[in-house]
PDB file of N, CA and C in Angstrom:
ATOM      1  N   MET A   1     -26.766  63.349  40.299  1.00  0.00           N
ATOM      2  CA  MET A   1     -27.601  63.864  41.131  1.00  0.00           C
ATOM      3  C   MET A   1     -27.263  65.148  41.626  1.00  0.00           C
ATOM      4  N   SER A   2     -26.138  65.863  41.230  1.00  0.00           N
ATOM      5  CA  SER A   2     -25.668  66.994  41.900  1.00  0.00           C
ATOM      6  C   SER A   2     -26.748  68.074  41.863  1.00  0.00           C
ATOM      7  N   GLY A   3     -26.939  68.840  42.957  1.00  0.00           N
ATOM      8  CA  GLY A   3     -27.894  69.752  42.914  1.00  0.00           C
ATOM      9  C   GLY A   3     -29.124  69.484  43.560  1.00  0.00           C
ATOM     10  N   GLN A   4     -29.329  68.088  43.834  1.00  0.00           N
ATOM     11  CA  GLN A   4     -30.473  67.578  44.477  1.00  0.00           C
ATOM     12  C   GLN A   4     -30.125  67.395  45.979  1.00  0.00           C
ATOM     13  N   GLY A   5     -31.265  67.623  46.744  1.00  0.00           N
ATOM     14  CA  GLY A   5     -31.187  67.489  48.230  1.00  0.00           C
ATOM     15  C   GLY A   5     -31.039  66.081  48.529  1.00  0.00           C
ATOM     16  N   LEU A   6     -30.664  65.640  49.710  1.00  0.00           N
ATOM     17  CA  LEU A   6     -30.485  64.170  50.081  1.00  0.00           C
ATOM     18  C   LEU A   6     -31.806  63.472  49.965  1.00  0.00           C
ATOM     19  N   ARG A   7     -32.888  64.100  50.487  1.00  0.00           N
ATOM     20  CA  ARG A   7     -34.247  63.382  50.322  1.00  0.00           C
ATOM     21  C   ARG A   7     -34.636  63.164  48.986  1.00  0.00           C
ATOM     22  N   SER A   8     -34.522  64.172  48.119  1.00  0.00           N
ATOM     23  CA  SER A   8     -34.998  64.173  46.740  1.00  0.00           C
ATOM     24  C   SER A   8     -34.097  63.101  46.035  1.00  0.00           C
ATOM     25  N   ALA A   9     -32.830  63.043  46.266  1.00  0.00           N
ATOM     26  CA  ALA A   9     -31.989  61.947  45.654  1.00  0.00           C
ATOM     27  C   ALA A   9     -32.277  60.501  46.076  1.00  0.00           C
ATOM     28  N   ARG A  10     -32.706  60.305  47.348  1.00  0.00           N
ATOM     29  CA  ARG A  10     -33.246  59.010  47.829  1.00  0.00           C
ATOM     30  C   ARG A  10     -34.509  58.741  47.050  1.00  0.00           C
ATOM     31  N   VAL A  11     -35.487  59.647  47.033  1.00  0.00           N
ATOM     32  CA  VAL A  11     -36.641  59.390  46.381  1.00  0.00           C
ATOM     33  C   VAL A  11     -36.521  59.119  44.845  1.00  0.00           C
ATOM     34  N   ALA A  12     -35.561  59.879  44.050  1.00  0.00           N
ATOM     35  CA  ALA A  12     -35.226  59.671  42.757  1.00  0.00           C
ATOM     36  C   ALA A  12     -34.730  58.247  42.694  1.00  0.00           C
ATOM     37  N   ALA A  13     -33.974  57.659  43.499  1.00  0.00           N
ATOM     38  CA  ALA A  13     -33.295  56.298  43.520  1.00  0.00           C
ATOM     39  C   ALA A  13     -34.478  55.360  43.462  1.00  0.00           C
ATOM     40  N   ARG A  14     -35.326  55.647  44.466  1.00  0.00           N
ATOM     41  CA  ARG A  14     -36.602  54.722  44.569  1.00  0.00           C
ATOM     42  C   ARG A  14     -37.502  54.673  43.388  1.00  0.00           C
ATOM     43  N   VAL A  15     -37.722  55.968  42.815  1.00  0.00           N
ATOM     44  CA  VAL A  15     -38.557  55.922  41.653  1.00  0.00           C
ATOM     45  C   VAL A  15     -37.949  55.206  40.531  1.00  0.00           C
ATOM     46  N   ARG A  16     -36.745  55.353  40.282  1.00  0.00           N
ATOM     47  CA  ARG A  16     -35.776  54.754  39.182  1.00  0.00           C
ATOM     48  C   ARG A  16     -36.066  53.025  39.368  1.00  0.00           C
ATOM     49  N   GLU A  17     -35.835  52.694  40.668  1.00  0.00           N
ATOM     50  CA  GLU A  17     -35.975  51.194  40.771  1.00  0.00           C
ATOM     51  C   GLU A  17     -37.405  50.673  40.507  1.00  0.00           C
ATOM     52  N   GLU A  18     -38.369  51.519  40.900  1.00  0.00           N
ATOM     53  CA  GLU A  18     -39.916  50.984  40.694  1.00  0.00           C
ATOM     54  C   GLU A  18     -40.229  51.173  39.396  1.00  0.00           C
ATOM     55  N   LEU A  19     -39.708  52.270  38.450  1.00  0.00           N
ATOM     56  CA  LEU A  19     -39.977  52.277  37.121  1.00  0.00           C
ATOM     57  C   LEU A  19     -39.424  51.136  36.355  1.00  0.00           C
ATOM     58  N   ALA A  20     -38.188  50.893  36.680  1.00  0.00           N
ATOM     59  CA  ALA A  20     -37.582  49.765  36.082  1.00  0.00           C
ATOM     60  C   ALA A  20     -38.289  48.561  36.126  1.00  0.00           C
ATOM     61  N   ALA A  21     -38.822  48.244  37.259  1.00  0.00           N
ATOM     62  CA  ALA A  21     -39.550  46.995  37.624  1.00  0.00           C
ATOM     63  C   ALA A  21     -40.790  47.041  36.780  1.00  0.00           C
ATOM     64  N   LEU A  22     -41.482  48.289  36.845  1.00  0.00           N
ATOM     65  CA  LEU A  22     -42.772  48.326  36.330  1.00  0.00           C
ATOM     66  C   LEU A  22     -42.578  48.226  34.635  1.00  0.00           C
ATOM     67  N   LEU A  23     -41.681  48.754  33.991  1.00  0.00           N
ATOM     68  CA  LEU A  23     -41.593  48.649  32.534  1.00  0.00           C
ATOM     69  C   LEU A  23     -41.041  47.230  32.173  1.00  0.00           C
ATOM     70  N   ARG A  24     -40.481  46.485  32.928  1.00  0.00           N
ATOM     71  CA  ARG A  24     -40.247  45.055  32.515  1.00  0.00           C
ATOM     72  C   ARG A  24     -41.597  44.294  32.429  1.00  0.00           C
ATOM     73  N   ASP A  25     -42.676  44.803  32.938  1.00  0.00           N
ATOM     74  CA  ASP A  25     -43.814  43.838  32.953  1.00  0.00           C
ATOM     75  C   ASP A  25     -44.844  44.530  31.936  1.00  0.00           C
ATOM     76  N   MET A  26     -44.537  45.626  31.196  1.00  0.00           N
ATOM     77  CA  MET A  26     -45.426  46.250  30.366  1.00  0.00           C
ATOM     78  C   MET A  26     -45.343  45.302  29.031  1.00  0.00           C
ATOM     79  N   ALA A  27     -46.553  45.326  28.448  1.00  0.00           N
ATOM     80  CA  ALA A  27     -46.842  44.668  27.232  1.00  0.00           C
ATOM     81  C   ALA A  27     -46.597  45.348  25.949  1.00  0.00           C
ATOM     82  N   ASP A  28     -46.626  46.860  25.979  1.00  0.00           N
ATOM     83  CA  ASP A  28     -46.555  47.662  24.963  1.00  0.00           C
ATOM     84  C   ASP A  28     -45.093  47.333  24.149  1.00  0.00           C
ATOM     85  N   PRO A  29     -45.183  47.002  22.890  1.00  0.00           N
ATOM     86  CA  PRO A  29     -43.933  46.725  22.122  1.00  0.00           C
ATOM     87  C   PRO A  29     -43.054  47.991  22.015  1.00  0.00           C
ATOM     88  N   ARG A  30     -43.576  49.187  22.074  1.00  0.00           N
ATOM     89  CA  ARG A  30     -42.836  50.261  22.044  1.00  0.00           C
ATOM     90  C   ARG A  30     -41.817  50.424  23.221  1.00  0.00           C
ATOM     91  N   LEU A  31     -42.126  49.761  24.289  1.00  0.00           N
ATOM     92  CA  LEU A  31     -41.505  49.880  25.577  1.00  0.00           C
ATOM     93  C   LEU A  31     -40.327  48.807  25.666  1.00  0.00           C
ATOM     94  N   PHE A  32     -40.202  47.987  24.715  1.00  0.00           N
ATOM     95  CA  PHE A  32     -39.304  46.817  24.833  1.00  0.00           C
ATOM     96  C   PHE A  32     -37.844  47.436  24.818  1.00  0.00           C
ATOM     97  N   GLY A  33     -37.066  47.029  25.857  1.00  0.00           N
ATOM     98  CA  GLY A  33     -35.745  47.332  26.023  1.00  0.00           C
ATOM     99  C   GLY A  33     -35.459  48.877  26.510  1.00  0.00           C
ATOM    100  N   VAL A  34     -36.586  49.377  27.017  1.00  0.00           N
ATOM    101  CA  VAL A  34     -36.405  50.863  27.538  1.00  0.00           C
ATOM    102  C   VAL A  34     -35.480  50.651  28.925  1.00  0.00           C
ATOM    103  N   LEU A  35     -34.395  51.499  28.998  1.00  0.00           N
ATOM    104  CA  LEU A  35     -33.652  51.552  30.182  1.00  0.00           C
ATOM    105  C   LEU A  35     -33.889  52.880  30.821  1.00  0.00           C
ATOM    106  N   ILE A  36     -33.931  52.937  32.132  1.00  0.00           N
ATOM    107  CA  ILE A  36     -33.980  54.271  32.727  1.00  0.00           C
ATOM    108  C   ILE A  36     -32.537  54.478  33.253  1.00  0.00           C
ATOM    109  N   SER A  37     -31.947  55.651  32.580  1.00  0.00           N
ATOM    110  CA  SER A  37     -30.465  55.844  32.929  1.00  0.00           C
ATOM    111  C   SER A  37     -30.432  56.659  34.169  1.00  0.00           C
ATOM    112  N   ARG A  38     -31.248  57.506  34.529  1.00  0.00           N
ATOM    113  CA  ARG A  38     -31.321  58.369  35.809  1.00  0.00           C
ATOM    114  C   ARG A  38     -32.613  58.990  35.911  1.00  0.00           C
ATOM    115  N   VAL A  39     -32.932  59.302  37.198  1.00  0.00           N
ATOM    116  CA  VAL A  39     -34.082  60.104  37.546  1.00  0.00           C
ATOM    117  C   VAL A  39     -33.739  61.297  38.322  1.00  0.00           C
ATOM    118  N   GLU A  40     -34.175  62.429  38.033  1.00  0.00           N
ATOM    119  CA  GLU A  40     -33.831  63.715  38.873  1.00  0.00           C
ATOM    120  C   GLU A  40     -35.251  64.233  39.446  1.00  0.00           C
ATOM    121  N   MET A  41     -35.290  64.465  40.563  1.00  0.00           N
ATOM    122  CA  MET A  41     -36.658  64.873  41.386  1.00  0.00           C
ATOM    123  C   MET A  41     -36.527  66.300  41.761  1.00  0.00           C
ATOM    124  N   THR A  42     -37.407  67.164  41.661  1.00  0.00           N
ATOM    125  CA  THR A  42     -37.383  68.563  42.195  1.00  0.00           C
ATOM    126  C   THR A  42     -37.382  68.307  43.691  1.00  0.00           C
ATOM    127  N   ASP A  43     -36.852  69.452  44.245  1.00  0.00           N
ATOM    128  CA  ASP A  43     -36.854  69.490  45.769  1.00  0.00           C
ATOM    129  C   ASP A  43     -38.087  69.093  46.390  1.00  0.00           C
ATOM    130  N   ASP A  44     -39.272  69.734  45.752  1.00  0.00           N
ATOM    131  CA  ASP A  44     -40.557  69.513  46.360  1.00  0.00           C
ATOM    132  C   ASP A  44     -41.172  68.078  46.043  1.00  0.00           C
ATOM    133  N   LEU A  45     -40.295  67.339  45.425  1.00  0.00           N
ATOM    134  CA  LEU A  45     -40.905  65.862  44.982  1.00  0.00           C
ATOM    135  C   LEU A  45     -42.161  65.921  44.165  1.00  0.00           C
ATOM    136  N   GLN A  46     -42.452  66.988  43.387  1.00  0.00           N
ATOM    137  CA  GLN A  46     -43.636  67.009  42.569  1.00  0.00           C
ATOM    138  C   GLN A  46     -43.437  66.376  41.362  1.00  0.00           C
ATOM    139  N   THR A  47     -42.216  66.517  40.782  1.00  0.00           N
ATOM    140  CA  THR A  47     -41.892  66.146  39.291  1.00  0.00           C
ATOM    141  C   THR A  47     -40.586  65.308  39.434  1.00  0.00           C
ATOM    142  N   ALA A  48     -40.783  64.457  38.561  1.00  0.00           N
ATOM    143  CA  ALA A  48     -39.518  63.432  38.262  1.00  0.00           C
ATOM    144  C   ALA A  48     -39.149  63.560  36.867  1.00  0.00           C
ATOM    145  N   ARG A  49     -37.898  63.927  36.609  1.00  0.00           N
ATOM    146  CA  ARG A  49     -37.429  63.974  35.164  1.00  0.00           C
ATOM    147  C   ARG A  49     -36.778  62.628  34.964  1.00  0.00           C
ATOM    148  N   VAL A  50     -37.328  61.795  34.110  1.00  0.00           N
ATOM    149  CA  VAL A  50     -36.966  60.418  34.031  1.00  0.00           C
ATOM    150  C   VAL A  50     -36.274  60.212  32.660  1.00  0.00           C
ATOM    151  N   PHE A  51     -34.826  60.130  32.738  1.00  0.00           N
ATOM    152  CA  PHE A  51     -34.004  60.024  31.470  1.00  0.00           C
ATOM    153  C   PHE A  51     -34.019  58.515  31.179  1.00  0.00           C
ATOM    154  N   VAL A  52     -34.467  58.331  29.837  1.00  0.00           N
ATOM    155  CA  VAL A  52     -34.554  56.917  29.343  1.00  0.00           C
ATOM    156  C   VAL A  52     -33.660  56.699  28.036  1.00  0.00           C
ATOM    157  N   ARG A  53     -33.425  55.629  27.804  1.00  0.00           N
ATOM    158  CA  ARG A  53     -32.678  55.376  26.667  1.00  0.00           C
ATOM    159  C   ARG A  53     -33.107  53.682  26.215  1.00  0.00           C
ATOM    160  N   ASN A  54     -32.647  53.369  25.062  1.00  0.00           N
ATOM    161  CA  ASN A  54     -33.051  52.082  24.758  1.00  0.00           C
ATOM    162  C   ASN A  54     -31.878  51.122  24.652  1.00  0.00           C
ATOM    163  N   GLU A  55     -31.884  49.935  25.155  1.00  0.00           N
ATOM    164  CA  GLU A  55     -30.542  49.020  25.185  1.00  0.00           C
ATOM    165  C   GLU A  55     -29.945  48.931  23.798  1.00  0.00           C
ATOM    166  N   LEU A  56     -30.607  49.243  22.687  1.00  0.00           N
ATOM    167  CA  LEU A  56     -30.082  49.027  21.446  1.00  0.00           C
ATOM    168  C   LEU A  56     -29.217  50.103  21.100  1.00  0.00           C
ATOM    169  N   GLY A  57     -29.299  51.111  21.902  1.00  0.00           N
ATOM    170  CA  GLY A  57     -28.235  52.058  21.747  1.00  0.00           C
ATOM    171  C   GLY A  57     -28.451  53.047  20.398  1.00  0.00           C
ATOM    172  N   THR A  58     -27.220  53.078  19.628  1.00  0.00           N
ATOM    173  CA  THR A  58     -27.286  53.771  18.572  1.00  0.00           C
ATOM    174  C   THR A  58     -28.018  53.314  17.360  1.00  0.00           C
ATOM    175  N   ALA A  59     -28.298  51.991  17.421  1.00  0.00           N
ATOM    176  CA  ALA A  59     -29.037  51.465  16.224  1.00  0.00           C
ATOM    177  C   ALA A  59     -30.343  51.810  16.155  1.00  0.00           C
ATOM    178  N   GLN A  60     -30.904  52.734  17.186  1.00  0.00           N
ATOM    179  CA  GLN A  60     -32.174  52.962  17.207  1.00  0.00           C
ATOM    180  C   GLN A  60     -32.372  54.371  16.466  1.00  0.00           C
ATOM    181  N   GLY A  61     -33.320  54.654  15.580  1.00  0.00           N
ATOM    182  CA  GLY A  61     -33.334  55.878  14.871  1.00  0.00           C
ATOM    183  C   GLY A  61     -34.329  56.887  15.634  1.00  0.00           C
ATOM    184  N   GLU A  62     -34.301  57.961  15.030  1.00  0.00           N
ATOM    185  CA  GLU A  62     -35.345  59.105  15.586  1.00  0.00           C
ATOM    186  C   GLU A  62     -36.674  58.709  15.650  1.00  0.00           C
ATOM    187  N   ALA A  63     -37.161  57.945  14.715  1.00  0.00           N
ATOM    188  CA  ALA A  63     -38.694  57.518  14.708  1.00  0.00           C
ATOM    189  C   ALA A  63     -38.913  56.444  15.839  1.00  0.00           C
ATOM    190  N   GLU A  64     -37.972  55.620  16.105  1.00  0.00           N
ATOM    191  CA  GLU A  64     -38.075  54.555  17.297  1.00  0.00           C
ATOM    192  C   GLU A  64     -37.920  55.377  18.666  1.00  0.00           C
ATOM    193  N   ARG A  65     -37.170  56.376  18.538  1.00  0.00           N
ATOM    194  CA  ARG A  65     -37.013  57.148  19.943  1.00  0.00           C
ATOM    195  C   ARG A  65     -38.419  57.838  20.202  1.00  0.00           C
ATOM    196  N   ARG A  66     -38.993  58.452  19.153  1.00  0.00           N
ATOM    197  CA  ARG A  66     -40.259  58.969  19.506  1.00  0.00           C
ATOM    198  C   ARG A  66     -41.435  58.168  19.739  1.00  0.00           C
ATOM    199  N   SER A  67     -41.289  56.962  19.078  1.00  0.00           N
ATOM    200  CA  SER A  67     -42.289  55.961  19.363  1.00  0.00           C
ATOM    201  C   SER A  67     -42.290  55.445  20.934  1.00  0.00           C
ATOM    202  N   MET A  68     -40.989  55.347  21.316  1.00  0.00           N
ATOM    203  CA  MET A  68     -40.674  54.922  22.677  1.00  0.00           C
ATOM    204  C   MET A  68     -41.245  55.951  23.642  1.00  0.00           C
ATOM    205  N   LEU A  69     -41.025  57.231  23.477  1.00  0.00           N
ATOM    206  CA  LEU A  69     -41.360  58.348  24.273  1.00  0.00           C
ATOM    207  C   LEU A  69     -42.834  58.356  24.303  1.00  0.00           C
ATOM    208  N   LYS A  70     -43.611  58.105  23.164  1.00  0.00           N
ATOM    209  CA  LYS A  70     -45.096  58.141  23.036  1.00  0.00           C
ATOM    210  C   LYS A  70     -45.562  57.013  23.919  1.00  0.00           C
ATOM    211  N   GLY A  71     -45.038  55.878  23.884  1.00  0.00           N
ATOM    212  CA  GLY A  71     -45.252  54.842  24.689  1.00  0.00           C
ATOM    213  C   GLY A  71     -45.215  55.009  26.117  1.00  0.00           C
ATOM    214  N   LEU A  72     -43.982  55.770  26.523  1.00  0.00           N
ATOM    215  CA  LEU A  72     -43.922  56.048  28.062  1.00  0.00           C
ATOM    216  C   LEU A  72     -45.032  57.072  28.346  1.00  0.00           C
ATOM    217  N   GLU A  73     -45.311  57.950  27.372  1.00  0.00           N
ATOM    218  CA  GLU A  73     -46.353  58.931  27.856  1.00  0.00           C
ATOM    219  C   GLU A  73     -47.710  58.286  27.955  1.00  0.00           C
ATOM    220  N   ALA A  74     -48.125  57.373  26.994  1.00  0.00           N
ATOM    221  CA  ALA A  74     -49.345  56.616  27.045  1.00  0.00           C
ATOM    222  C   ALA A  74     -49.487  55.860  28.366  1.00  0.00           C
ATOM    223  N   ALA A  75     -48.424  55.265  28.958  1.00  0.00           N
ATOM    224  CA  ALA A  75     -48.423  54.410  30.095  1.00  0.00           C
ATOM    225  C   ALA A  75     -47.995  55.341  31.403  1.00  0.00           C
ATOM    226  N   GLY A  76     -47.907  56.573  31.252  1.00  0.00           N
ATOM    227  CA  GLY A  76     -47.516  57.510  32.251  1.00  0.00           C
ATOM    228  C   GLY A  76     -48.480  57.642  33.451  1.00  0.00           C
ATOM    229  N   GLY A  77     -49.671  57.628  33.149  1.00  0.00           N
ATOM    230  CA  GLY A  77     -50.786  57.673  34.183  1.00  0.00           C
ATOM    231  C   GLY A  77     -50.705  56.324  35.260  1.00  0.00           C
ATOM    232  N   ARG A  78     -50.517  55.240  34.519  1.00  0.00           N
ATOM    233  CA  ARG A  78     -50.522  53.943  35.269  1.00  0.00           C
ATOM    234  C   ARG A  78     -49.200  53.841  36.138  1.00  0.00           C
ATOM    235  N   LEU A  79     -48.021  54.294  35.394  1.00  0.00           N
ATOM    236  CA  LEU A  79     -46.678  54.302  36.056  1.00  0.00           C
ATOM    237  C   LEU A  79     -46.725  55.369  37.242  1.00  0.00           C
ATOM    238  N   ARG A  80     -47.266  56.583  36.937  1.00  0.00           N
ATOM    239  CA  ARG A  80     -47.373  57.442  38.083  1.00  0.00           C
ATOM    240  C   ARG A  80     -48.005  56.849  39.308  1.00  0.00           C
ATOM    241  N   ARG A  81     -49.286  56.414  39.075  1.00  0.00           N
ATOM    242  CA  ARG A  81     -49.938  55.807  40.136  1.00  0.00           C
ATOM    243  C   ARG A  81     -49.237  54.661  40.868  1.00  0.00           C
ATOM    244  N   ASP A  82     -48.764  53.798  40.072  1.00  0.00           N
ATOM    245  CA  ASP A  82     -47.957  52.703  40.741  1.00  0.00           C
ATOM    246  C   ASP A  82     -46.614  53.226  41.442  1.00  0.00           C
ATOM    247  N   VAL A  83     -45.948  54.038  40.809  1.00  0.00           N
ATOM    248  CA  VAL A  83     -44.695  54.593  41.611  1.00  0.00           C
ATOM    249  C   VAL A  83     -45.228  55.394  42.949  1.00  0.00           C
ATOM    250  N   GLY A  84     -46.324  56.126  42.734  1.00  0.00           N
ATOM    251  CA  GLY A  84     -46.743  56.853  43.848  1.00  0.00           C
ATOM    252  C   GLY A  84     -47.180  55.851  45.162  1.00  0.00           C
ATOM    253  N   LYS A  85     -47.864  54.758  44.833  1.00  0.00           N
ATOM    254  CA  LYS A  85     -47.959  53.770  45.724  1.00  0.00           C
ATOM    255  C   LYS A  85     -46.708  53.120  46.461  1.00  0.00           C
ATOM    256  N   ALA A  86     -45.895  52.938  45.518  1.00  0.00           N
ATOM    257  CA  ALA A  86     -44.692  52.060  45.993  1.00  0.00           C
ATOM    258  C   ALA A  86     -43.732  52.961  46.776  1.00  0.00           C
ATOM    259  N   VAL A  87     -43.692  54.301  46.396  1.00  0.00           N
ATOM    260  CA  VAL A  87     -42.732  55.046  47.078  1.00  0.00           C
ATOM    261  C   VAL A  87     -43.479  55.810  48.330  1.00  0.00           C
ATOM    262  N   GLN A  88     -44.526  55.760  48.378  1.00  0.00           N
ATOM    263  CA  GLN A  88     -45.419  56.244  49.518  1.00  0.00           C
ATOM    264  C   GLN A  88     -45.210  57.797  49.678  1.00  0.00           C
ATOM    265  N   LEU A  89     -45.585  58.516  48.718  1.00  0.00           N
ATOM    266  CA  LEU A  89     -45.485  60.006  48.847  1.00  0.00           C
ATOM    267  C   LEU A  89     -46.839  60.444  48.958  1.00  0.00           C
ATOM    268  N   ARG A  90     -47.083  61.617  49.536  1.00  0.00           N
ATOM    269  CA  ARG A  90     -48.499  62.129  49.687  1.00  0.00           C
ATOM    270  C   ARG A  90     -49.150  62.449  48.275  1.00  0.00           C
ATOM    271  N   ARG A  91     -48.360  62.908  47.361  1.00  0.00           N
ATOM    272  CA  ARG A  91     -48.593  63.061  46.136  1.00  0.00           C
ATOM    273  C   ARG A  91     -47.798  62.329  44.994  1.00  0.00           C
ATOM    274  N   ALA A  92     -48.248  61.576  44.238  1.00  0.00           N
ATOM    275  CA  ALA A  92     -47.374  60.827  43.180  1.00  0.00           C
ATOM    276  C   ALA A  92     -46.726  61.963  42.257  1.00  0.00           C
ATOM    277  N   PRO A  93     -45.401  61.895  42.099  1.00  0.00           N
ATOM    278  CA  PRO A  93     -44.874  62.819  41.208  1.00  0.00           C
ATOM    279  C   PRO A  93     -45.325  62.686  39.767  1.00  0.00           C
ATOM    280  N   ASP A  94     -45.144  63.855  39.101  1.00  0.00           N
ATOM    281  CA  ASP A  94     -45.594  63.931  37.665  1.00  0.00           C
ATOM    282  C   ASP A  94     -44.196  63.297  37.053  1.00  0.00           C
ATOM    283  N   LEU A  95     -44.449  62.499  36.040  1.00  0.00           N
ATOM    284  CA  LEU A  95     -43.291  61.929  35.319  1.00  0.00           C
ATOM    285  C   LEU A  95     -43.013  62.623  33.949  1.00  0.00           C
ATOM    286  N   LYS A  96     -41.878  63.210  33.862  1.00  0.00           N
ATOM    287  CA  LYS A  96     -41.455  63.826  32.502  1.00  0.00           C
ATOM    288  C   LYS A  96     -40.509  62.910  31.907  1.00  0.00           C
ATOM    289  N   PHE A  97     -40.709  62.282  30.774  1.00  0.00           N
ATOM    290  CA  PHE A  97     -39.824  61.376  30.057  1.00  0.00           C
ATOM    291  C   PHE A  97     -38.985  62.001  29.064  1.00  0.00           C
ATOM    292  N   ILE A  98     -37.506  61.839  29.314  1.00  0.00           N
ATOM    293  CA  ILE A  98     -36.646  62.562  28.345  1.00  0.00           C
ATOM    294  C   ILE A  98     -35.712  61.510  27.786  1.00  0.00           C
ATOM    295  N   TYR A  99     -35.464  61.457  26.490  1.00  0.00           N
ATOM    296  CA  TYR A  99     -34.478  60.599  25.912  1.00  0.00           C
ATOM    297  C   TYR A  99     -33.158  61.112  26.422  1.00  0.00           C
ATOM    298  N   ASP A 100     -32.384  60.202  26.828  1.00  0.00           N
ATOM    299  CA  ASP A 100     -30.966  60.539  27.283  1.00  0.00           C
ATOM    300  C   ASP A 100     -29.997  60.277  26.234  1.00  0.00           C
ATOM    301  N   THR A 101     -29.507  61.375  25.757  1.00  0.00           N
ATOM    302  CA  THR A 101     -28.534  61.275  24.560  1.00  0.00           C
ATOM    303  C   THR A 101     -27.153  61.259  24.905  1.00  0.00           C
ATOM    304  N   GLY A 102     -26.673  61.125  26.142  1.00  0.00           N
ATOM    305  CA  GLY A 102     -25.550  61.012  26.750  1.00  0.00           C
ATOM    306  C   GLY A 102     -24.854  59.711  26.047  1.00  0.00           C
ATOM    307  N   GLN A 103     -25.494  58.515  26.200  1.00  0.00           N
ATOM    308  CA  GLN A 103     -24.924  57.299  25.681  1.00  0.00           C
ATOM    309  C   GLN A 103     -24.656  57.343  24.256  1.00  0.00           C
ATOM    310  N   ASP A 104     -25.686  57.952  23.421  1.00  0.00           N
ATOM    311  CA  ASP A 104     -25.349  57.964  22.036  1.00  0.00           C
ATOM    312  C   ASP A 104     -24.084  58.886  21.687  1.00  0.00           C
ATOM    313  N   SER A 105     -24.010  59.969  22.547  1.00  0.00           N
ATOM    314  CA  SER A 105     -22.827  60.858  22.321  1.00  0.00           C
ATOM    315  C   SER A 105     -21.498  59.979  22.663  1.00  0.00           C
ATOM    316  N   ALA A 106     -21.500  59.189  23.646  1.00  0.00           N
ATOM    317  CA  ALA A 106     -20.332  58.369  23.973  1.00  0.00           C
ATOM    318  C   ALA A 106     -20.060  57.427  22.962  1.00  0.00           C
ATOM    319  N   TYR A 107     -21.156  56.817  22.411  1.00  0.00           N
ATOM    320  CA  TYR A 107     -20.782  55.844  21.294  1.00  0.00           C
ATOM    321  C   TYR A 107     -20.127  56.648  20.063  1.00  0.00           C
ATOM    322  N   ARG A 108     -20.659  57.787  19.627  1.00  0.00           N
ATOM    323  CA  ARG A 108     -20.173  58.533  18.549  1.00  0.00           C
ATOM    324  C   ARG A 108     -18.729  58.879  18.836  1.00  0.00           C
ATOM    325  N   VAL A 109     -18.385  59.331  19.999  1.00  0.00           N
ATOM    326  CA  VAL A 109     -16.992  59.659  20.321  1.00  0.00           C
ATOM    327  C   VAL A 109     -16.152  58.405  20.038  1.00  0.00           C
ATOM    328  N   GLU A 110     -16.457  57.219  20.527  1.00  0.00           N
ATOM    329  CA  GLU A 110     -15.843  56.058  20.361  1.00  0.00           C
ATOM    330  C   GLU A 110     -15.631  55.789  18.988  1.00  0.00           C
ATOM    331  N   GLU A 111     -16.751  55.829  18.014  1.00  0.00           N
ATOM    332  CA  GLU A 111     -16.423  55.648  16.709  1.00  0.00           C
ATOM    333  C   GLU A 111     -15.376  56.619  16.059  1.00  0.00           C
ATOM    334  N   ILE A 112     -15.610  57.900  16.459  1.00  0.00           N
ATOM    335  CA  ILE A 112     -14.502  58.726  15.932  1.00  0.00           C
ATOM    336  C   ILE A 112     -13.192  58.422  16.298  1.00  0.00           C
ATOM    337  N   LEU A 113     -12.920  58.186  17.553  1.00  0.00           N
ATOM    338  CA  LEU A 113     -11.524  57.634  17.874  1.00  0.00           C
ATOM    339  C   LEU A 113     -11.114  56.445  17.262  1.00  0.00           C
ATOM    340  N   HIS A 114     -12.011  55.555  17.025  1.00  0.00           N
ATOM    341  CA  HIS A 114     -11.715  54.356  16.312  1.00  0.00           C
ATOM    342  C   HIS A 114     -11.317  54.678  14.903  1.00  0.00           C
ATOM    343  N   GLU A 115     -12.108  55.472  14.135  1.00  0.00           N
ATOM    344  CA  GLU A 115     -11.574  55.952  12.842  1.00  0.00           C
ATOM    345  C   GLU A 115     -10.385  56.740  12.749  1.00  0.00           C
ATOM    346  N   ILE A 116      -9.938  57.483  13.789  1.00  0.00           N
ATOM    347  CA  ILE A 116      -8.679  58.148  14.082  1.00  0.00           C
ATOM    348  C   ILE A 116      -7.492  57.105  14.098  1.00  0.00           C
ATOM    349  N   ARG A 117      -7.817  56.151  14.929  1.00  0.00           N
ATOM    350  CA  ARG A 117      -6.795  55.014  15.150  1.00  0.00           C
ATOM    351  C   ARG A 117      -6.614  54.355  13.790  1.00  0.00           C
ATOM    352  N   MET A 118      -7.598  54.088  13.085  1.00  0.00           N
ATOM    353  CA  MET A 118      -7.440  53.227  11.866  1.00  0.00           C
ATOM    354  C   MET A 118      -6.645  54.109  10.801  1.00  0.00           C
ATOM    355  N   ASP A 119      -7.064  55.451  10.685  1.00  0.00           N
ATOM    356  CA  ASP A 119      -6.325  56.394   9.860  1.00  0.00           C
ATOM    357  C   ASP A 119      -4.872  56.447  10.154  1.00  0.00           C
ATOM    358  N   ASP A 120      -4.642  56.390  11.384  1.00  0.00           N
ATOM    359  CA  ASP A 120      -2.974  56.489  11.861  1.00  0.00           C
ATOM    360  C   ASP A 120      -2.414  55.259  11.474  1.00  0.00           C
ATOM    361  N   ALA A 121      -3.069  54.057  11.765  1.00  0.00           N
ATOM    362  CA  ALA A 121      -2.580  52.788  11.533  1.00  0.00           C
ATOM    363  C   ALA A 121      -2.182  52.680   9.843  1.00  0.00           C
ATOM    364  N   LYS A 122      -3.198  53.226   9.086  1.00  0.00           N
ATOM    365  CA  LYS A 122      -2.947  53.199   7.652  1.00  0.00           C
ATOM    366  C   LYS A 122      -1.657  54.032   7.221  1.00  0.00           C
ATOM    367  N   ARG A 123      -1.605  55.273   7.805  1.00  0.00           N
ATOM    368  CA  ARG A 123      -0.505  56.042   7.532  1.00  0.00           C
ATOM    369  C   ARG A 123       0.877  55.362   7.947  1.00  0.00           C
ATOM    370  N   ASP A 124       0.853  54.913   9.112  1.00  0.00           N
ATOM    371  CA  ASP A 124       2.115  54.140   9.591  1.00  0.00           C
ATOM    372  C   ASP A 124       2.583  53.125   8.835  1.00  0.00           C
ATOM    373  N   LYS A 125       1.518  52.341   8.068  1.00  0.00           N
ATOM    374  CA  LYS A 125       1.949  51.386   7.078  1.00  0.00           C
ATOM    375  C   LYS A 125       2.361  51.815   5.809  1.00  0.00           C
ATOM    376  N   GLY A 126       1.792  52.913   5.396  1.00  0.00           N
ATOM    377  CA  GLY A 126       2.001  53.607   3.975  1.00  0.00           C
ATOM    378  C   GLY A 126       3.065  54.498   4.032  1.00  0.00           C
TER     379      GLY A 126
END
């Protein structure tokens, strides 16, 4: 949340909580397992950048990610309205959904480190 003012950081936390609760109740199969990793609000509270990922992590391909983002965009109007009511802002923030690649990068780093350890172990034995 660096770079965000105190109020926008508080609103971002509330938006994240509300979206997580709303997504649990969505029937759209494209939204199964969606996790909100973080929300960043603009200082004027007009736009929320919602970083999402799937709990399946790297097992998910590009097509599934696009499908998930399309599902979120399709539900965006309802989510925006419901978040606006819950957070009680004059104007409900625009929701911009962004796939969060940070977790995927962390998984990939772990895989590389594991491969290095395995290679080192083979070299030590041989």
